[in-house]
């Protein structure tokens, strides 16, 4: 339910303030939400707290995805379909790697290790974003032909 409510508000924010600004905010939200969600789930280990924790983490993840797609699709507008395919393949590979890391962490030290791995991956992603921050890509314009 949350995933269908939040992205529509992220799109206009990306258009008005820029996708890199939105990704910076969303990256910070992901880290803060992970801390809050895992704190809630650690204190009250129940199914309702697990659901609430996942919904809290989903806010940042959905915002980042909207921002990332805006950046990727602006790179080459005439190849949007192919770029989106590459983006989604990379996203699913990242999800698979994260799932493997979470499963390994669970087998190592259960919930504490899963929390540590998730928080660590969020911090690394936010740090990479902060260090690699560049101006927003502009849509590539077709070269102008001179009338000769």
N, C-alpha and C. Protein backbone atom coordinates (compact mmCIF):
# COMPACT_ATOMS: atom_id res chain seq x y z
N UNK A 1 0.82 -1.18 0.00
CA UNK A 1 0.00 0.00 0.00
C UNK A 1 0.87 1.25 0.00
N UNK A 2 1.87 1.31 0.85
CA UNK A 2 2.73 2.49 0.93
C UNK A 2 3.42 2.75 -0.39
N UNK A 3 3.83 1.69 -1.09
CA UNK A 3 4.55 1.85 -2.35
C UNK A 3 3.68 2.54 -3.40
N UNK A 4 2.38 2.41 -3.31
CA UNK A 4 1.51 3.05 -4.28
C UNK A 4 1.19 4.49 -3.88
N UNK A 5 1.46 4.88 -2.66
CA UNK A 5 1.17 6.23 -2.19
C UNK A 5 2.38 7.14 -2.33
N UNK A 6 3.56 6.65 -2.00
CA UNK A 6 4.74 7.52 -1.91
C UNK A 6 5.36 7.94 -3.24
N UNK A 7 5.58 7.06 -4.22
CA UNK A 7 6.24 7.50 -5.46
C UNK A 7 5.57 8.66 -6.19
N UNK A 8 4.24 8.78 -6.18
CA UNK A 8 3.66 9.95 -6.85
C UNK A 8 4.12 11.28 -6.24
N UNK A 9 4.45 11.30 -4.95
CA UNK A 9 4.96 12.53 -4.36
C UNK A 9 6.45 12.71 -4.63
N UNK A 10 7.15 11.63 -4.93
CA UNK A 10 8.59 11.73 -5.22
C UNK A 10 8.82 12.29 -6.62
N UNK A 11 7.97 11.97 -7.57
CA UNK A 11 8.13 12.46 -8.94
C UNK A 11 8.14 13.98 -9.03
N UNK A 12 7.12 14.67 -8.49
CA UNK A 12 7.13 16.13 -8.53
C UNK A 12 8.32 16.74 -7.77
N UNK A 13 8.73 16.10 -6.68
CA UNK A 13 9.89 16.61 -5.94
C UNK A 13 11.16 16.50 -6.78
N UNK A 14 11.28 15.41 -7.53
CA UNK A 14 12.45 15.24 -8.41
C UNK A 14 12.43 16.28 -9.52
N UNK A 15 11.26 16.61 -10.04
CA UNK A 15 11.18 17.60 -11.10
C UNK A 15 11.48 19.01 -10.60
N UNK A 16 11.01 19.34 -9.41
CA UNK A 16 11.19 20.70 -8.91
C UNK A 16 12.57 20.94 -8.30
N UNK A 17 13.11 19.97 -7.57
CA UNK A 17 14.39 20.16 -6.87
C UNK A 17 15.55 19.44 -7.53
N UNK A 18 15.28 18.50 -8.41
CA UNK A 18 16.34 17.74 -9.07
C UNK A 18 16.45 16.35 -8.48
N UNK A 19 16.81 15.41 -9.34
CA UNK A 19 16.86 14.02 -8.90
C UNK A 19 18.04 13.75 -7.96
N UNK A 20 19.17 14.44 -8.14
CA UNK A 20 20.30 14.21 -7.23
C UNK A 20 19.96 14.70 -5.82
N UNK A 21 19.26 15.83 -5.74
CA UNK A 21 18.83 16.32 -4.42
C UNK A 21 17.90 15.30 -3.77
N UNK A 22 16.95 14.80 -4.56
CA UNK A 22 16.00 13.82 -4.03
C UNK A 22 16.71 12.54 -3.61
N UNK A 23 17.70 12.10 -4.39
CA UNK A 23 18.45 10.89 -4.02
C UNK A 23 19.25 11.11 -2.74
N UNK A 24 19.80 12.32 -2.56
CA UNK A 24 20.52 12.61 -1.32
C UNK A 24 19.58 12.51 -0.12
N UNK A 25 18.43 13.11 -0.25
CA UNK A 25 17.44 13.05 0.83
C UNK A 25 16.99 11.60 1.05
N UNK A 26 16.67 10.91 -0.04
CA UNK A 26 16.19 9.53 0.07
C UNK A 26 17.25 8.60 0.65
N UNK A 27 18.53 8.82 0.29
CA UNK A 27 19.60 8.00 0.85
C UNK A 27 19.70 8.17 2.36
N UNK A 28 19.60 9.41 2.80
CA UNK A 28 19.59 9.66 4.24
C UNK A 28 18.37 9.07 4.92
N UNK A 29 17.23 9.16 4.22
CA UNK A 29 16.00 8.57 4.75
C UNK A 29 16.14 7.05 4.85
N UNK A 30 16.79 6.42 3.85
CA UNK A 30 17.00 4.96 3.89
C UNK A 30 17.81 4.56 5.13
N UNK A 31 18.88 5.29 5.39
CA UNK A 31 19.71 4.97 6.56
C UNK A 31 18.91 5.19 7.84
N UNK A 32 18.25 6.34 7.95
CA UNK A 32 17.46 6.63 9.16
C UNK A 32 16.30 5.65 9.32
N UNK A 33 15.64 5.33 8.21
CA UNK A 33 14.52 4.38 8.27
C UNK A 33 14.98 2.98 8.65
N UNK A 34 16.16 2.59 8.16
CA UNK A 34 16.69 1.28 8.54
C UNK A 34 16.93 1.23 10.05
N UNK A 35 17.53 2.29 10.58
CA UNK A 35 17.75 2.34 12.03
C UNK A 35 16.43 2.28 12.79
N UNK A 36 15.45 3.08 12.35
CA UNK A 36 14.16 3.09 13.03
C UNK A 36 13.44 1.76 12.90
N UNK A 37 13.44 1.20 11.69
CA UNK A 37 12.74 -0.06 11.47
C UNK A 37 13.36 -1.19 12.27
N UNK A 38 14.69 -1.29 12.23
CA UNK A 38 15.33 -2.36 12.97
C UNK A 38 15.23 -2.13 14.48
N UNK A 39 15.22 -0.88 14.89
CA UNK A 39 15.00 -0.59 16.31
C UNK A 39 13.63 -1.07 16.76
N UNK A 40 12.61 -0.76 15.95
CA UNK A 40 11.26 -1.22 16.27
C UNK A 40 11.18 -2.74 16.31
N UNK A 41 11.77 -3.38 15.30
CA UNK A 41 11.67 -4.84 15.22
C UNK A 41 12.52 -5.51 16.29
N UNK A 42 13.59 -4.85 16.75
CA UNK A 42 14.42 -5.43 17.80
C UNK A 42 13.72 -5.37 19.15
N UNK A 43 13.04 -4.25 19.39
CA UNK A 43 12.37 -4.07 20.68
C UNK A 43 11.12 -4.95 20.78
N UNK A 44 10.32 -4.93 19.73
CA UNK A 44 9.09 -5.72 19.73
C UNK A 44 9.14 -6.69 18.56
N UNK A 45 9.68 -7.86 18.78
CA UNK A 45 9.81 -8.84 17.70
C UNK A 45 8.46 -9.54 17.52
N UNK A 46 7.62 -8.89 16.72
CA UNK A 46 6.31 -9.44 16.41
C UNK A 46 6.05 -9.23 14.91
N UNK A 47 5.08 -9.91 14.39
CA UNK A 47 4.73 -9.78 12.98
C UNK A 47 4.28 -8.34 12.65
N UNK A 48 3.43 -7.71 13.48
CA UNK A 48 3.05 -6.32 13.16
C UNK A 48 4.25 -5.37 13.11
N UNK A 49 5.22 -5.55 13.98
CA UNK A 49 6.41 -4.69 13.95
C UNK A 49 7.28 -4.99 12.72
N UNK A 50 7.32 -6.25 12.30
CA UNK A 50 8.04 -6.59 11.08
C UNK A 50 7.40 -5.89 9.88
N UNK A 51 6.08 -5.93 9.79
CA UNK A 51 5.36 -5.26 8.70
C UNK A 51 5.60 -3.76 8.76
N UNK A 52 5.49 -3.16 9.93
CA UNK A 52 5.73 -1.72 10.08
C UNK A 52 7.16 -1.36 9.70
N UNK A 53 8.11 -2.17 10.14
CA UNK A 53 9.51 -1.93 9.80
C UNK A 53 9.77 -1.98 8.30
N UNK A 54 9.19 -2.96 7.63
CA UNK A 54 9.35 -3.07 6.18
C UNK A 54 8.71 -1.88 5.48
N UNK A 55 7.55 -1.44 5.92
CA UNK A 55 6.91 -0.27 5.32
C UNK A 55 7.75 0.99 5.51
N UNK A 56 8.37 1.13 6.68
CA UNK A 56 9.23 2.30 6.93
C UNK A 56 10.44 2.27 5.99
N UNK A 57 11.07 1.11 5.84
CA UNK A 57 12.23 1.03 4.93
C UNK A 57 11.83 1.26 3.49
N UNK A 58 10.62 0.86 3.12
CA UNK A 58 10.16 0.97 1.74
C UNK A 58 10.04 2.42 1.29
N UNK A 59 9.80 3.35 2.21
CA UNK A 59 9.69 4.77 1.85
C UNK A 59 10.96 5.24 1.15
N UNK A 60 12.11 4.99 1.76
CA UNK A 60 13.37 5.42 1.16
C UNK A 60 13.69 4.68 -0.11
N UNK A 61 13.44 3.38 -0.13
CA UNK A 61 13.77 2.56 -1.31
C UNK A 61 12.96 3.02 -2.52
N UNK A 62 11.67 3.26 -2.35
CA UNK A 62 10.83 3.68 -3.47
C UNK A 62 11.24 5.07 -3.97
N UNK A 63 11.61 5.96 -3.06
CA UNK A 63 12.03 7.31 -3.46
C UNK A 63 13.33 7.24 -4.25
N UNK A 64 14.26 6.42 -3.80
CA UNK A 64 15.51 6.26 -4.54
C UNK A 64 15.25 5.70 -5.94
N UNK A 65 14.36 4.73 -6.05
CA UNK A 65 14.09 4.13 -7.36
C UNK A 65 13.50 5.16 -8.32
N UNK A 66 12.58 5.99 -7.86
CA UNK A 66 12.00 7.02 -8.72
C UNK A 66 13.10 7.98 -9.18
N UNK A 67 13.98 8.37 -8.27
CA UNK A 67 15.06 9.29 -8.62
C UNK A 67 16.04 8.66 -9.59
N UNK A 68 16.42 7.42 -9.32
CA UNK A 68 17.37 6.74 -10.21
C UNK A 68 16.81 6.60 -11.61
N UNK A 69 15.56 6.22 -11.72
CA UNK A 69 14.97 6.07 -13.05
C UNK A 69 14.91 7.40 -13.77
N UNK A 70 14.66 8.47 -13.05
CA UNK A 70 14.67 9.79 -13.69
C UNK A 70 16.03 10.14 -14.26
N UNK A 71 17.08 9.81 -13.52
CA UNK A 71 18.44 10.09 -14.00
C UNK A 71 18.78 9.21 -15.19
N UNK A 72 18.51 7.92 -15.08
CA UNK A 72 18.86 6.97 -16.14
C UNK A 72 18.09 7.29 -17.43
N UNK A 73 16.82 7.56 -17.32
CA UNK A 73 16.01 7.78 -18.52
C UNK A 73 16.32 9.12 -19.18
N UNK A 74 16.92 10.06 -18.44
CA UNK A 74 17.31 11.35 -19.04
C UNK A 74 18.61 11.24 -19.82
N UNK A 75 19.35 10.16 -19.65
CA UNK A 75 20.63 10.03 -20.34
C UNK A 75 20.49 9.99 -21.85
N UNK A 76 19.55 9.22 -22.32
CA UNK A 76 19.36 9.05 -23.76
C UNK A 76 17.87 8.81 -24.02
N UNK A 77 17.09 9.88 -24.15
CA UNK A 77 15.63 9.72 -24.26
C UNK A 77 15.17 8.79 -25.37
N UNK A 78 15.91 8.74 -26.48
CA UNK A 78 15.46 7.88 -27.58
C UNK A 78 15.69 6.41 -27.29
N UNK A 79 16.42 6.08 -26.22
CA UNK A 79 16.68 4.67 -25.87
C UNK A 79 16.12 4.35 -24.48
N UNK A 80 15.02 4.97 -24.12
CA UNK A 80 14.45 4.79 -22.78
C UNK A 80 14.16 3.34 -22.44
N UNK A 81 13.60 2.61 -23.38
CA UNK A 81 13.24 1.22 -23.13
C UNK A 81 14.47 0.38 -22.82
N UNK A 82 15.52 0.54 -23.60
CA UNK A 82 16.75 -0.23 -23.38
C UNK A 82 17.43 0.18 -22.08
N UNK A 83 17.45 1.48 -21.81
CA UNK A 83 18.07 1.95 -20.57
C UNK A 83 17.30 1.44 -19.35
N UNK A 84 15.98 1.45 -19.43
CA UNK A 84 15.18 0.96 -18.32
C UNK A 84 15.40 -0.53 -18.12
N UNK A 85 15.57 -1.28 -19.21
CA UNK A 85 15.87 -2.72 -19.10
C UNK A 85 17.18 -2.93 -18.37
N UNK A 86 18.22 -2.19 -18.77
CA UNK A 86 19.52 -2.32 -18.10
C UNK A 86 19.43 -1.91 -16.63
N UNK A 87 18.70 -0.83 -16.36
CA UNK A 87 18.53 -0.38 -14.97
C UNK A 87 17.86 -1.46 -14.13
N UNK A 88 16.78 -2.03 -14.65
CA UNK A 88 16.04 -3.03 -13.87
C UNK A 88 16.85 -4.31 -13.68
N UNK A 89 17.63 -4.71 -14.69
CA UNK A 89 18.50 -5.89 -14.53
C UNK A 89 19.50 -5.63 -13.42
N UNK A 90 20.13 -4.44 -13.45
CA UNK A 90 21.09 -4.10 -12.39
C UNK A 90 20.41 -4.05 -11.02
N UNK A 91 19.20 -3.54 -10.99
CA UNK A 91 18.46 -3.45 -9.72
C UNK A 91 18.16 -4.86 -9.17
N UNK A 92 17.76 -5.78 -10.05
CA UNK A 92 17.47 -7.14 -9.60
C UNK A 92 18.73 -7.88 -9.19
N UNK A 93 19.85 -7.64 -9.88
CA UNK A 93 21.11 -8.25 -9.46
C UNK A 93 21.49 -7.74 -8.08
N UNK A 94 21.35 -6.44 -7.86
CA UNK A 94 21.62 -5.87 -6.54
C UNK A 94 20.72 -6.47 -5.47
N UNK A 95 19.44 -6.68 -5.81
CA UNK A 95 18.52 -7.30 -4.86
C UNK A 95 18.90 -8.73 -4.53
N UNK A 96 19.36 -9.46 -5.55
CA UNK A 96 19.79 -10.85 -5.33
C UNK A 96 21.03 -10.90 -4.45
N UNK A 97 21.98 -10.01 -4.71
CA UNK A 97 23.20 -9.96 -3.87
C UNK A 97 22.83 -9.59 -2.44
N UNK A 98 21.92 -8.63 -2.28
CA UNK A 98 21.48 -8.24 -0.94
C UNK A 98 20.76 -9.37 -0.22
N UNK A 99 19.96 -10.13 -0.95
CA UNK A 99 19.27 -11.27 -0.36
C UNK A 99 20.24 -12.35 0.10
N UNK A 100 21.26 -12.59 -0.73
CA UNK A 100 22.29 -13.57 -0.34
C UNK A 100 23.04 -13.10 0.90
N UNK A 101 23.37 -11.82 0.93
CA UNK A 101 24.08 -11.28 2.09
C UNK A 101 23.21 -11.38 3.34
N UNK A 102 21.91 -11.10 3.20
CA UNK A 102 21.00 -11.21 4.34
C UNK A 102 20.85 -12.65 4.82
N UNK A 103 20.75 -13.58 3.88
CA UNK A 103 20.63 -14.99 4.27
C UNK A 103 21.89 -15.48 4.97
N UNK A 104 23.05 -15.08 4.47
CA UNK A 104 24.30 -15.46 5.11
C UNK A 104 24.39 -14.83 6.50
N UNK A 105 24.01 -13.57 6.59
CA UNK A 105 24.04 -12.89 7.89
C UNK A 105 23.12 -13.59 8.89
N UNK A 106 21.94 -14.00 8.43
CA UNK A 106 21.00 -14.70 9.31
C UNK A 106 21.61 -16.00 9.83
N UNK A 107 22.28 -16.74 8.96
CA UNK A 107 22.88 -18.01 9.39
C UNK A 107 24.06 -17.77 10.33
N UNK A 108 24.67 -16.61 10.24
CA UNK A 108 25.83 -16.30 11.07
C UNK A 108 25.42 -15.87 12.48
N UNK A 109 24.52 -14.88 12.57
CA UNK A 109 24.15 -14.36 13.90
C UNK A 109 22.71 -13.85 13.94
N UNK A 110 21.86 -14.41 13.16
CA UNK A 110 20.43 -14.09 13.14
C UNK A 110 20.15 -12.60 12.94
N UNK A 111 19.21 -12.08 13.72
CA UNK A 111 18.69 -10.73 13.49
C UNK A 111 19.75 -9.64 13.63
N UNK A 112 20.64 -9.77 14.57
CA UNK A 112 21.68 -8.75 14.77
C UNK A 112 22.54 -8.61 13.52
N UNK A 113 22.92 -9.71 12.92
CA UNK A 113 23.76 -9.67 11.72
C UNK A 113 22.99 -9.12 10.52
N UNK A 114 21.73 -9.47 10.39
CA UNK A 114 20.92 -8.94 9.29
C UNK A 114 20.81 -7.42 9.41
N UNK A 115 20.57 -6.93 10.61
CA UNK A 115 20.49 -5.49 10.84
C UNK A 115 21.82 -4.82 10.49
N UNK A 116 22.91 -5.41 10.92
CA UNK A 116 24.23 -4.84 10.66
C UNK A 116 24.53 -4.81 9.16
N UNK A 117 24.24 -5.89 8.45
CA UNK A 117 24.49 -5.94 7.01
C UNK A 117 23.63 -4.91 6.28
N UNK A 118 22.36 -4.82 6.61
CA UNK A 118 21.47 -3.87 5.95
C UNK A 118 21.90 -2.44 6.20
N UNK A 119 22.19 -2.12 7.44
CA UNK A 119 22.64 -0.77 7.76
C UNK A 119 23.97 -0.48 7.06
N UNK A 120 24.88 -1.45 7.06
CA UNK A 120 26.17 -1.26 6.40
C UNK A 120 26.02 -1.00 4.91
N UNK A 121 25.16 -1.78 4.24
CA UNK A 121 24.95 -1.59 2.80
C UNK A 121 24.31 -0.23 2.51
N UNK A 122 23.38 0.20 3.36
CA UNK A 122 22.77 1.52 3.18
C UNK A 122 23.79 2.64 3.36
N UNK A 123 24.65 2.51 4.35
CA UNK A 123 25.67 3.53 4.59
C UNK A 123 26.66 3.58 3.43
N UNK A 124 27.07 2.41 2.94
CA UNK A 124 28.00 2.38 1.79
C UNK A 124 27.35 3.02 0.57
N UNK A 125 26.10 2.68 0.28
CA UNK A 125 25.41 3.26 -0.88
C UNK A 125 25.29 4.78 -0.74
N UNK A 126 24.96 5.25 0.45
CA UNK A 126 24.83 6.69 0.68
C UNK A 126 26.19 7.38 0.54
N UNK A 127 27.25 6.74 1.04
CA UNK A 127 28.60 7.32 0.93
C UNK A 127 29.05 7.38 -0.52
N UNK A 128 28.79 6.33 -1.29
CA UNK A 128 29.15 6.33 -2.71
C UNK A 128 28.41 7.45 -3.43
N UNK A 129 27.15 7.61 -3.12
CA UNK A 129 26.36 8.68 -3.74
C UNK A 129 26.93 10.05 -3.37
N UNK A 130 27.26 10.24 -2.11
CA UNK A 130 27.78 11.53 -1.66
C UNK A 130 29.14 11.84 -2.29
N UNK A 131 29.98 10.83 -2.44
CA UNK A 131 31.32 11.05 -3.01
C UNK A 131 31.29 11.22 -4.52
N UNK A 132 30.34 10.59 -5.18
CA UNK A 132 30.30 10.62 -6.64
C UNK A 132 29.28 11.62 -7.17
N UNK A 133 28.86 12.54 -6.35
CA UNK A 133 27.82 13.48 -6.75
C UNK A 133 28.31 14.35 -7.90
N UNK A 134 27.56 14.35 -8.97
CA UNK A 134 27.89 15.13 -10.15
C UNK A 134 26.68 15.96 -10.56
N UNK A 135 26.89 16.91 -11.45
CA UNK A 135 25.73 17.65 -11.94
C UNK A 135 24.75 16.70 -12.63
N UNK A 136 23.49 17.07 -12.62
CA UNK A 136 22.47 16.25 -13.25
C UNK A 136 22.73 16.10 -14.73
N UNK A 137 22.55 14.89 -15.25
CA UNK A 137 22.73 14.72 -16.70
C UNK A 137 21.62 15.45 -17.45
N UNK A 138 22.01 16.08 -18.52
CA UNK A 138 21.04 16.74 -19.39
C UNK A 138 20.69 15.77 -20.51
N UNK A 139 19.49 15.88 -20.99
CA UNK A 139 19.10 15.03 -22.12
C UNK A 139 20.03 15.35 -23.29
N UNK A 140 20.51 14.32 -23.94
CA UNK A 140 21.42 14.52 -25.06
C UNK A 140 20.65 15.08 -26.25
N UNK A 141 21.14 16.18 -26.78
CA UNK A 141 20.48 16.78 -27.93
C UNK A 141 21.07 16.22 -29.20
N UNK A 142 20.26 16.15 -30.23
CA UNK A 142 20.74 15.68 -31.52
C UNK A 142 21.70 16.72 -32.08
N UNK A 143 22.78 16.30 -32.69
CA UNK A 143 23.72 17.28 -33.25
C UNK A 143 23.03 18.08 -34.35
N UNK A 144 23.33 19.36 -34.35
CA UNK A 144 22.74 20.22 -35.36
C UNK A 144 23.52 20.11 -36.65
N UNK A 145 22.81 20.03 -37.71
CA UNK A 145 23.44 19.94 -39.03
C UNK A 145 23.44 21.34 -39.65
N UNK A 146 24.58 21.73 -40.15
CA UNK A 146 24.65 23.04 -40.78
C UNK A 146 24.14 22.94 -42.22
N UNK A 147 23.40 23.92 -42.60
CA UNK A 147 22.85 23.94 -43.96
C UNK A 147 23.95 24.44 -44.89
N UNK A 148 24.48 23.58 -45.71
CA UNK A 148 25.57 23.99 -46.60
C UNK A 148 25.17 23.95 -48.04
